[in-house]
Protein backbone atom coordinates (compact mmCIF):
# COMPACT_ATOMS: atom_id res chain seq x y z
CA UNK A 1 86.75 -159.39 46.22
CA UNK A 2 88.23 -157.96 49.09
CA UNK A 3 89.57 -160.63 51.27
CA UNK A 4 87.60 -159.37 54.77
CA UNK A 5 84.32 -159.39 52.64
CA UNK A 6 85.27 -163.21 51.83
CA UNK A 7 85.87 -163.97 55.45
CA UNK A 8 82.39 -162.68 56.21
CA UNK A 9 80.32 -164.47 53.52
CA UNK A 10 82.12 -167.97 54.41
CA UNK A 11 81.26 -167.20 58.08
CA UNK A 12 77.29 -166.55 56.97
CA UNK A 13 77.56 -170.16 55.03
CA UNK A 14 78.64 -171.71 57.66
CA UNK A 15 76.07 -170.47 60.20
CA UNK A 16 73.40 -171.17 57.42
CA UNK A 17 74.74 -174.58 57.04
CA UNK A 18 74.63 -175.28 60.87
CA UNK A 19 71.36 -173.72 61.24
CA UNK A 20 69.87 -175.90 58.19
CA UNK A 21 71.25 -179.06 59.65
CA UNK A 22 70.08 -178.29 63.10
CA UNK A 23 66.57 -177.50 61.62
CA UNK A 24 66.32 -180.58 59.80
CA UNK A 25 67.23 -182.85 62.67
CA UNK A 26 64.42 -181.16 64.75
CA UNK A 27 62.33 -181.38 62.05
CA UNK A 28 62.99 -185.29 62.09
CA UNK A 29 62.84 -185.77 65.93
CA UNK A 30 59.38 -183.95 65.39
CA UNK A 31 58.17 -186.17 62.62
CA UNK A 32 59.42 -189.45 64.32
CA UNK A 33 57.72 -188.34 67.49
CA UNK A 34 54.49 -187.88 65.96
CA UNK A 35 54.55 -190.96 64.17
CA UNK A 36 55.48 -192.64 67.28
CA UNK A 37 52.18 -191.23 68.88
CA UNK A 38 49.94 -191.72 66.00
CA UNK A 39 50.46 -195.49 65.94
CA UNK A 40 47.82 -197.66 67.40
CA UNK A 41 48.24 -201.12 68.26
CA UNK A 42 45.34 -203.58 69.17
CA UNK A 43 46.18 -205.73 72.35
CA UNK A 44 46.60 -209.23 71.46
CA UNK A 45 44.55 -211.87 73.10
CA UNK A 46 47.58 -214.23 74.41
CA UNK A 47 45.45 -217.06 76.37
CA UNK A 48 41.87 -218.24 75.94
CA UNK A 49 39.15 -216.53 74.48
CA UNK A 50 36.58 -213.88 75.06
CA UNK A 51 33.89 -216.72 75.86
CA UNK A 52 31.61 -217.22 77.88
CA UNK A 53 30.32 -213.93 78.36
CA UNK A 54 27.34 -212.95 80.33
CA UNK A 55 24.70 -211.32 78.08
CA UNK A 56 21.88 -211.10 79.92
CA UNK A 57 20.36 -212.06 83.91
CA UNK A 58 17.37 -211.52 85.65
CA UNK A 59 16.62 -211.40 89.23
CA UNK A 60 12.96 -210.92 90.35
CA UNK A 61 12.50 -210.99 93.85
CA UNK A 62 9.21 -211.32 96.09
CA UNK A 63 7.22 -213.04 93.34
CA UNK A 64 3.59 -214.23 94.46
CA UNK A 65 2.21 -215.27 91.03
CA UNK A 66 3.17 -216.27 87.85
CA UNK A 67 5.37 -214.23 85.66
CA UNK A 68 4.13 -213.85 81.85
CA UNK A 69 6.77 -214.62 79.08
CA UNK A 70 9.30 -211.99 79.44
CA UNK A 71 11.98 -211.11 76.96
CA UNK A 72 15.54 -211.55 78.60
CA UNK A 73 17.96 -211.09 75.61
CA UNK A 74 17.67 -210.63 72.19
CA UNK A 75 20.57 -212.09 70.20
CA UNK A 76 21.90 -209.70 66.91
CA UNK A 77 23.89 -212.72 65.65
CA UNK A 78 23.55 -216.54 65.75
CA UNK A 79 25.11 -217.56 68.66
CA UNK A 80 25.48 -220.60 71.32
CA UNK A 81 24.40 -220.09 74.36
CA UNK A 82 23.83 -221.68 77.75
CA UNK A 83 21.06 -220.60 80.34
CA UNK A 84 21.37 -220.93 84.21
CA UNK A 85 17.98 -220.64 86.75
CA UNK A 86 17.28 -220.52 90.27
CA UNK A 87 14.20 -220.57 91.99
CA UNK A 88 14.30 -219.93 95.65
CA UNK A 89 10.90 -220.57 97.77
CA UNK A 90 11.23 -217.63 100.48
CA UNK A 91 7.67 -218.00 102.00
CA UNK A 92 6.23 -221.75 102.30
CA UNK A 93 2.40 -221.93 101.20
CA UNK A 94 -0.37 -224.43 100.21
CA UNK A 95 0.66 -227.24 97.87
CA UNK A 96 1.06 -225.86 94.55
CA UNK A 97 3.04 -226.26 91.28
CA UNK A 98 5.83 -223.66 90.55
CA UNK A 99 7.79 -224.19 87.26
CA UNK A 100 10.29 -221.86 85.60
CA UNK A 101 10.55 -221.73 81.78
CA UNK A 102 13.03 -220.57 79.46
CA UNK A 103 12.36 -220.46 75.63
CA UNK A 104 14.20 -219.66 72.65
CA UNK A 105 13.76 -220.64 68.72
CA UNK A 106 16.66 -222.35 66.73
CA UNK A 107 16.65 -224.05 63.22
CA UNK A 108 14.56 -226.88 64.39
CA UNK A 109 11.61 -224.34 65.51
CA UNK A 110 10.66 -223.33 69.43
CA UNK A 111 12.67 -224.55 72.07
CA UNK A 112 11.85 -224.80 75.94
CA UNK A 113 13.69 -225.42 79.33
CA UNK A 114 11.79 -225.86 82.15
CA UNK A 115 12.34 -226.72 85.72
CA UNK A 116 10.04 -227.50 88.92
CA UNK A 117 10.22 -225.25 92.04
CA UNK A 118 9.19 -226.20 95.49
CA UNK A 119 6.52 -224.73 97.41
CA UNK A 120 8.34 -225.91 100.65
CA UNK A 121 11.33 -223.39 101.41
CA UNK A 122 14.23 -224.14 99.59
CA UNK A 123 16.30 -223.90 96.67
CA UNK A 124 15.76 -225.48 92.92
CA UNK A 125 18.00 -224.68 89.98
CA UNK A 126 18.77 -225.88 86.60
CA UNK A 127 21.44 -225.48 84.08
CA UNK A 128 20.69 -226.48 80.25
CA UNK A 129 22.84 -228.16 77.81
CA UNK A 130 24.33 -225.50 75.19
CA UNK A 131 21.41 -224.22 72.79
CA UNK A 132 21.59 -222.39 69.42
CA UNK A 133 19.49 -219.26 68.76
CA UNK A 134 18.83 -217.53 65.69
CA UNK A 135 19.57 -213.98 65.24
CA UNK A 136 16.63 -211.35 65.90
CA UNK A 137 14.97 -214.20 67.83
CA UNK A 138 14.37 -213.41 71.45
CA UNK A 139 15.21 -215.86 74.54
CA UNK A 140 12.38 -215.28 77.03
CA UNK A 141 11.64 -216.46 80.47
CA UNK A 142 8.23 -217.17 82.46
CA UNK A 143 6.93 -218.81 85.17
CA UNK A 144 3.93 -220.90 86.17
CA UNK A 145 2.16 -220.54 89.78
CA UNK A 146 -0.81 -223.41 89.97
CA UNK A 147 -2.84 -224.20 92.64
CA UNK A 148 -0.78 -222.63 95.49
CA UNK A 149 -1.63 -219.69 97.47
CA UNK A 150 0.84 -217.71 100.12
CA UNK A 151 3.75 -218.90 98.23
CA UNK A 152 6.48 -216.16 97.64
CA UNK A 153 9.63 -216.95 95.45
CA UNK A 154 12.56 -215.37 93.94
CA UNK A 155 13.70 -215.81 90.42
CA UNK A 156 17.31 -215.69 89.26
CA UNK A 157 18.60 -216.50 85.39
CA UNK A 158 21.93 -216.01 84.05
CA UNK A 159 22.02 -216.31 79.90
CA UNK A 160 25.70 -216.74 78.85
CA UNK A 161 27.11 -216.75 75.24
CA UNK A 162 29.63 -219.53 75.06
CA UNK A 163 30.33 -219.36 71.24
């Protein structure tokens, strides 16, 4: 083999090795970049918990009569809840009885929280102790206005899941 040809072959082999190493390096960089971008991490909660969380709320304005039983929330899973209600009498009327109700069902059967509103202008509120509700069983609210005329009120209810 002539000497001049041997130099060309060695130069070609050297270029080939350099290109090969460069290609492998670039391939490694791209691979590690893809692996880095494809990773997902779930943020870890470091303090507290996700509870309590408001699962339902209602605001009924300018009510002048009783509100029939209305579903506020139907849990998909068993849970522990807290209900808070507020009746604001905005227009006083003749003497009567205004009552707000929240109903649910737990392992012991049907349960009820109720509070008396005022027929004079003013606020009355309630907050219940925690209660359990079965999955698929609705939490409902209603009001009853009896023997009162000319009364107008607003109703606000919030249901929180606390566990």
